[in-house]
Amino acid sequence: MILSYLVLISPVLVSATPSATTTCAPGGYLSVLADFDLQLPIATSSGGTAEQIPATKLAGCNGYQNADWFYWNTASSYLVMKAPPTSTPCAKTSGSKHCRTELREAQPSSWSPSGTNTMTVKLQVAQADDGNYGTVIGQVFSASFSKPIIELYYNPGGVVTVGLETTTSGGLENFTQIGTIPEKTVFTYELNYSNDELSVSLNGGEANHFAVTQLGTPDAYFKVGDYNQGTNVASEVDIISIDIVHS
């Protein structure tokens, strides 16, 4: 049984303090990047698969950055993550039809949902793509069958939708709208997969609960960023903070 709630979220205006330096990589501002690998829409060689930057190379002020896809906006103090649409040639990860600039949890590489596992992200979507439900801005991903358990979508109209996977083979999601937040408005979302139960909330509001028993409550990991689902429109997601709890 899937329980869901549709709520209208009041806008929160963008407000940030400029950074003290203009040379630091994103890992110098967001220490949590040391716990994530980065997947990019570019390849290390012609015709190759998507480049992946390990967590060790994201950490610290001298860590990885890319002026096109992954960099720190010093004027507004957030991490800019951009991704092209499928009409633009890009390198894709194995099994995907879409382009992404996305962080994949690496420390730990997976965890049991029987414990406490939450990811809270503060962000704004500067531009959503033209996919059916928009850009994927967060995921709980199965480490057992290598498919999403849920994907959190954001479309150009500001509608936030949860796509819940219904089979371990993937490709069959049930979709539930959980809120509306205008583009370029700062908000938070929390993905919570704890005590074998899955929930999603916006701006600290009432949680939307989703049944995962059809998937066997698999071990999982978090993903966050800009996973473009569109054909002709590029996307941009600006990350202000990422907070992870495992216990």
Protein backbone atom coordinates (compact mmCIF):
# COMPACT_ATOMS: atom_id res chain seq x y z
CA MET A 1 0.00 0.00 0.00
CA ILE A 2 1.32 3.43 -0.94
CA LEU A 3 0.38 6.38 1.27
CA SER A 4 0.89 9.80 -0.24
CA TYR A 5 0.12 13.45 0.42
CA LEU A 6 0.10 16.39 -1.99
CA VAL A 7 1.19 19.64 -0.39
CA LEU A 8 1.90 23.16 -1.62
CA ILE A 9 5.21 24.39 -0.27
CA SER A 10 5.67 28.10 0.39
CA PRO A 11 8.63 29.59 -1.50
CA VAL A 12 11.88 30.31 0.31
CA LEU A 13 13.91 33.03 -1.33
CA VAL A 14 17.53 32.38 -2.30
CA SER A 15 19.93 33.88 0.21
CA ALA A 16 23.60 33.00 0.56
CA THR A 17 26.83 34.59 1.73
CA PRO A 18 29.60 34.90 -0.88
CA SER A 19 32.61 32.66 -0.36
CA ALA A 20 35.91 34.02 0.96
CA THR A 21 37.94 32.48 -1.88
CA THR A 22 37.49 32.09 -5.62
CA THR A 23 39.90 29.22 -6.19
CA CYS A 24 38.63 26.38 -4.00
CA ALA A 25 37.02 23.26 -5.47
CA PRO A 26 33.55 22.19 -4.22
CA GLY A 27 35.11 19.70 -1.81
CA GLY A 28 36.61 22.61 0.11
CA TYR A 29 33.14 23.87 0.95
CA LEU A 30 31.17 20.62 1.22
CA SER A 31 33.21 18.14 3.26
CA VAL A 32 30.55 15.48 2.64
CA LEU A 33 31.82 15.17 -0.95
CA ALA A 34 34.61 13.02 0.48
CA ASP A 35 31.92 10.33 0.94
CA PHE A 36 30.66 10.38 -2.66
CA ASP A 37 31.85 9.31 -6.10
CA LEU A 38 30.92 11.61 -9.00
CA GLN A 39 29.40 10.46 -12.30
CA LEU A 40 29.83 12.87 -15.24
CA PRO A 41 28.32 13.21 -18.76
CA ILE A 42 31.80 13.20 -20.33
CA ALA A 43 34.14 10.34 -21.21
CA THR A 44 37.84 9.94 -20.61
CA SER A 45 38.25 8.73 -24.21
CA SER A 46 36.31 8.98 -27.47
CA GLY A 47 33.22 6.76 -27.33
CA GLY A 48 33.96 5.74 -23.74
CA THR A 49 31.56 5.39 -20.85
CA ALA A 50 30.84 8.18 -18.38
CA GLU A 51 33.82 9.42 -16.40
CA GLN A 52 33.68 8.65 -12.69
CA ILE A 53 35.63 10.66 -10.14
CA PRO A 54 36.33 8.77 -6.89
CA ALA A 55 35.58 10.28 -3.51
CA THR A 56 39.28 10.62 -2.72
CA LYS A 57 39.63 13.08 -5.62
CA LEU A 58 36.58 15.14 -4.63
CA ALA A 59 37.77 15.86 -1.09
CA GLY A 60 39.20 19.22 -0.08
CA CYS A 61 39.94 22.58 -1.65
CA ASN A 62 42.26 21.01 -4.22
CA GLY A 63 39.75 18.37 -5.25
CA TYR A 64 38.10 17.84 -8.64
CA GLN A 65 36.10 20.55 -10.36
CA ASN A 66 34.90 21.11 -13.93
CA ALA A 67 33.97 24.52 -15.30
CA ASP A 68 31.20 23.08 -17.48
CA TRP A 69 29.50 20.53 -15.21
CA PHE A 70 30.64 20.61 -11.57
CA TYR A 71 31.91 23.74 -9.83
CA TRP A 72 31.41 26.07 -6.88
CA ASN A 73 29.48 29.32 -7.43
CA THR A 74 31.46 31.72 -5.26
CA ALA A 75 28.93 34.56 -5.48
CA SER A 76 26.05 32.49 -4.13
CA SER A 77 27.89 29.74 -2.20
CA TYR A 78 26.53 26.59 -3.78
CA LEU A 79 27.67 23.64 -5.84
CA VAL A 80 26.55 23.89 -9.48
CA MET A 81 25.73 20.57 -11.18
CA LYS A 82 24.74 20.70 -14.86
CA ALA A 83 23.70 17.96 -17.28
CA PRO A 84 22.88 17.95 -21.01
CA PRO A 85 19.77 16.41 -22.62
CA THR A 86 19.89 13.29 -24.80
CA SER A 87 19.88 15.42 -27.99
CA THR A 88 23.38 16.54 -26.99
CA PRO A 89 26.06 13.86 -27.27
CA CYS A 90 27.14 12.75 -23.82
CA ALA A 91 28.74 9.78 -22.11
CA LYS A 92 26.27 7.67 -20.15
CA THR A 93 26.64 5.25 -17.29
CA SER A 94 26.06 1.56 -17.99
CA GLY A 95 22.38 0.75 -18.54
CA SER A 96 21.23 4.39 -18.71
CA LYS A 97 19.69 6.27 -21.65
CA HIS A 98 20.22 9.67 -20.01
CA CYS A 99 23.00 12.12 -19.16
CA ARG A 100 23.93 12.94 -15.58
CA THR A 101 26.18 14.86 -13.23
CA GLU A 102 25.36 12.94 -10.08
CA LEU A 103 26.94 11.99 -6.77
CA ARG A 104 26.83 8.34 -5.70
CA GLU A 105 27.35 7.48 -2.03
CA ALA A 106 30.65 5.62 -1.58
CA GLN A 107 31.36 5.80 2.16
CA PRO A 108 29.63 3.56 3.02
CA SER A 109 29.09 1.97 -0.39
CA SER A 110 25.83 0.39 0.85
CA TRP A 111 23.86 -0.05 4.05
CA SER A 112 20.97 -2.02 5.50
CA PRO A 113 17.54 -0.37 5.68
CA SER A 114 16.99 -2.03 9.06
CA GLY A 115 19.02 0.81 10.63
CA THR A 116 18.59 4.59 10.43
CA ASN A 117 19.50 6.11 7.04
CA THR A 118 18.59 9.65 6.02
CA MET A 119 19.83 12.13 3.45
CA THR A 120 18.74 15.77 3.75
CA VAL A 121 19.60 18.06 0.84
CA LYS A 122 19.21 21.82 0.65
CA LEU A 123 19.13 23.00 -2.96
CA GLN A 124 17.50 24.94 -5.74
CA VAL A 125 16.70 23.78 -9.26
CA ALA A 126 17.83 26.57 -11.57
CA GLN A 127 16.55 24.73 -14.65
CA ALA A 128 14.63 21.48 -14.97
CA ASP A 129 14.68 19.40 -18.15
CA ASP A 130 11.79 18.57 -20.48
CA GLY A 131 11.35 14.92 -19.44
CA ASN A 132 7.92 13.57 -18.50
CA TYR A 133 8.50 14.28 -14.80
CA GLY A 134 11.60 16.46 -15.05
CA THR A 135 15.08 16.09 -13.58
CA VAL A 136 15.96 13.43 -11.01
CA ILE A 137 17.47 15.31 -8.04
CA GLY A 138 17.81 12.42 -5.58
CA GLN A 139 17.62 8.64 -5.39
CA VAL A 140 17.57 5.71 -3.03
CA PHE A 141 19.33 3.09 -5.13
CA SER A 142 19.40 -0.67 -4.60
CA ALA A 143 22.83 -2.20 -4.02
CA SER A 144 21.24 -5.65 -4.39
CA PHE A 145 19.66 -5.44 -7.87
CA SER A 146 21.33 -2.23 -9.13
CA LYS A 147 18.13 -0.31 -9.91
CA PRO A 148 16.50 2.72 -8.29
CA ILE A 149 14.20 2.05 -5.36
CA ILE A 150 12.83 5.57 -5.63
CA GLU A 151 13.71 8.59 -7.76
CA LEU A 152 12.79 12.15 -6.80
CA TYR A 153 11.81 14.23 -9.86
CA TYR A 154 11.45 17.99 -10.34
CA ASN A 155 9.81 19.43 -13.47
CA PRO A 156 9.82 22.96 -15.02
CA GLY A 157 6.52 23.74 -13.30
CA GLY A 158 8.10 23.07 -9.92
CA VAL A 159 6.15 19.84 -9.34
CA VAL A 160 8.06 17.35 -7.18
CA THR A 161 7.22 13.72 -7.94
CA VAL A 162 8.33 10.45 -6.38
CA GLY A 163 8.84 7.51 -8.76
CA LEU A 164 8.65 4.24 -6.79
CA GLU A 165 10.08 1.16 -8.49
CA THR A 166 7.72 -1.84 -8.37
CA THR A 167 9.97 -4.64 -9.67
CA THR A 168 13.58 -5.67 -9.12
CA SER A 169 14.12 -5.73 -12.90
CA GLY A 170 13.43 -1.97 -13.06
CA GLY A 171 11.60 0.23 -15.55
CA LEU A 172 8.15 0.10 -13.93
CA GLU A 173 7.61 3.01 -11.55
CA ASN A 174 4.50 4.27 -9.78
CA PHE A 175 4.44 8.08 -9.68
CA THR A 176 3.12 10.27 -6.84
CA GLN A 177 3.22 14.07 -6.71
CA ILE A 178 4.26 15.30 -3.26
CA GLY A 179 4.57 19.08 -3.63
CA THR A 180 5.15 22.16 -5.78
CA ILE A 181 8.13 24.50 -5.41
CA PRO A 182 8.91 27.21 -8.01
CA GLU A 183 12.16 27.00 -9.97
CA LYS A 184 15.11 28.90 -8.46
CA THR A 185 13.59 28.60 -4.97
CA VAL A 186 15.65 27.10 -2.16
CA PHE A 187 14.06 24.08 -0.44
CA THR A 188 15.05 20.90 1.35
CA TYR A 189 14.11 17.31 0.80
CA GLU A 190 14.75 14.30 3.02
CA LEU A 191 15.02 10.71 1.81
CA ASN A 192 14.57 8.32 4.72
CA TYR A 193 15.01 4.55 4.38
CA SER A 194 15.02 3.37 7.99
CA ASN A 195 13.60 0.46 9.95
CA ASP A 196 12.73 -1.16 6.59
CA GLU A 197 10.40 1.74 5.75
CA LEU A 198 10.80 4.41 3.07
CA SER A 199 9.62 8.01 3.29
CA VAL A 200 10.17 11.38 1.58
CA SER A 201 9.50 14.85 2.96
CA LEU A 202 9.86 18.44 1.74
CA ASN A 203 10.95 21.39 3.86
CA GLY A 204 10.60 19.36 7.05
CA GLY A 205 6.90 18.78 6.43
CA GLU A 206 4.76 15.69 6.80
CA ALA A 207 6.45 12.56 5.48
CA ASN A 208 5.13 10.68 2.45
CA HIS A 209 5.44 6.93 3.10
CA PHE A 210 6.01 4.31 0.40
CA ALA A 211 5.83 0.52 0.60
CA VAL A 212 8.96 -1.35 -0.49
CA THR A 213 8.02 -4.89 0.51
CA GLN A 214 7.54 -5.79 -3.17
CA LEU A 215 11.31 -5.25 -3.56
CA GLY A 216 12.32 -7.23 -0.49
CA THR A 217 13.72 -4.18 1.41
CA PRO A 218 17.14 -4.38 -0.29
CA ASP A 219 20.40 -2.85 0.91
CA ALA A 220 20.85 0.56 -0.67
CA TYR A 221 22.84 3.78 -1.07
CA PHE A 222 21.94 7.41 -1.76
CA LYS A 223 22.43 9.43 -4.96
CA VAL A 224 22.03 13.19 -5.34
CA GLY A 225 22.53 15.71 -8.14
CA ASP A 226 21.38 16.37 -11.68
CA TYR A 227 20.16 13.33 -13.65
CA ASN A 228 18.68 14.80 -16.84
CA GLN A 229 15.64 12.91 -18.15
CA GLY A 230 14.87 15.19 -21.09
CA THR A 231 15.42 15.34 -24.83
CA ASN A 232 16.16 18.97 -25.67
CA VAL A 233 16.59 20.98 -22.46
CA ALA A 234 19.72 21.07 -20.30
CA SER A 235 19.30 21.03 -16.52
CA GLU A 236 21.01 22.70 -13.57
CA VAL A 237 20.76 21.77 -9.89
CA ASP A 238 22.47 23.94 -7.26
CA ILE A 239 23.37 22.15 -4.02
CA ILE A 240 23.79 24.18 -0.84
CA SER A 241 24.21 21.33 1.66
CA ILE A 242 24.00 17.54 1.98
CA ASP A 243 23.56 15.90 5.38
CA ILE A 244 23.78 12.11 5.79
CA VAL A 245 22.89 10.07 8.88
CA HIS A 246 23.59 6.33 9.26
CA SER A 247 23.21 4.51 12.55
